[in-house]
């Protein structure tokens, strides 16, 4: 490893460790790391800041911001809140049904819109039901934990569900239809496998004292609390039609048309904002996730700097030269991807590992490598509560809700409460990723 490779790689790793250790300062940390990366690339004669900026995947940022704005319009229509109330009614507050219905519901929602927005609006309603029911700590930990994992799986199921999938779509390595066709089935299998193990073997519902009267009263109280809430059709219908049109264009437009996925997103969201004229202007001024944009922009700069040093190419050559079959090399890569994501979170891991995945895709079917990578990143982001952005947010919202069990003891949802869920989820999703890679690369 050359001095340039060692310097830039060390700076990237130290920055990722620092932002993971001090999440409250993560944007400042990665911006500083990006600036130092630009300085090192210039001093080492590897390139210029202008060259690094020219290589950034701006299309990914457009998709990320555009889909985030569309999620805000759906949130303003009160869709997510009404969905949560409907799920609570269908489950009749029965512990087993509650876990299954909310998990499946959040999986479906997270495949189409920003799961952070959906969680922000669904969790408070779920917290109300948990308060009314007085569920014990063990059940609450597994319910909320599986809910977060279902969001991660839903995001990995479609090319617009979460950042790693958006990065794959924006890179042009897979089309919208191909990603959906190959990624959705294994994520569904992972969710069904996880739910079967939790319901059949872990059985957190066993710790809940059955009380049909309390369940009926809790559902009735929630119904009364939200009886005046109605779907804002004026916002929902145009946004839903535009999302359907975008999905149609992503599916049918051939790559040679020149109309890229980010352009479809840009035009669709622009029309949605024009329909909601004043609200659209307010969204652009106040609701664009500047933190996520700056974080990812800085991250892409650091990754581009490491790419300029030739380290990714060297790692790729090292991987393909391992004395084992291509399937074995893929297995090593996928396991490493899952563990690194657990440590550094999904965004940084996917941005760096995608560079190495390109080398494996020359020797194996591309969809096997890229979908396997997306699944492994999903497994890693489900390993620890801090590995995905939705984890700390769910922890903060739950602690703020001040939940108690039926005996008045306070309930918590933190790192240790999530850990058993994370370990099981990692094992299930990573196993599906490895099985997927082995089966389709034979």
Foldseek 3Di string as FASTA:
>chain_A
DDPLLVVLVVLLVVLLLVCLVPVVCNLVSLLVSLVVLQVSCVVVVLDHPVVLLVPFLVLLVLLVQLLQLLLVLQVVLVVLLVQLLVQLVVQLLQLLSNLVSLLVVLLQVLLQGESLSSCVNNVVLVLLLCQLQQWDQLSVLLSVLSSVLSSLLSLQLFLSRDSLSSVCQSVVLDARVLSNVQQNVLSVVLNVVLSCCCVPPVNSSVRGDDDSVSSNVSSVVSCVVCVPDDGNCLSPVLSVVLSVVLSVCSPPPDVVVVCGSSNSSNVSSVVSCVSVPVVSVVCVVPPRPVSVVSSLSSLSSSLSSSVSVVPLVVVLVVLVPPPDDLLVSLLVLLQVLLQVLLSSALRNSSSNSVSSLVSSCVVFPSSLSSSLSSLSNSLSCSQWLSSYPSSVVSQVVQVVSQHHHPVRHTHGHHGVSSNVVSVSSSVSSNVSSSVSNVVRRD
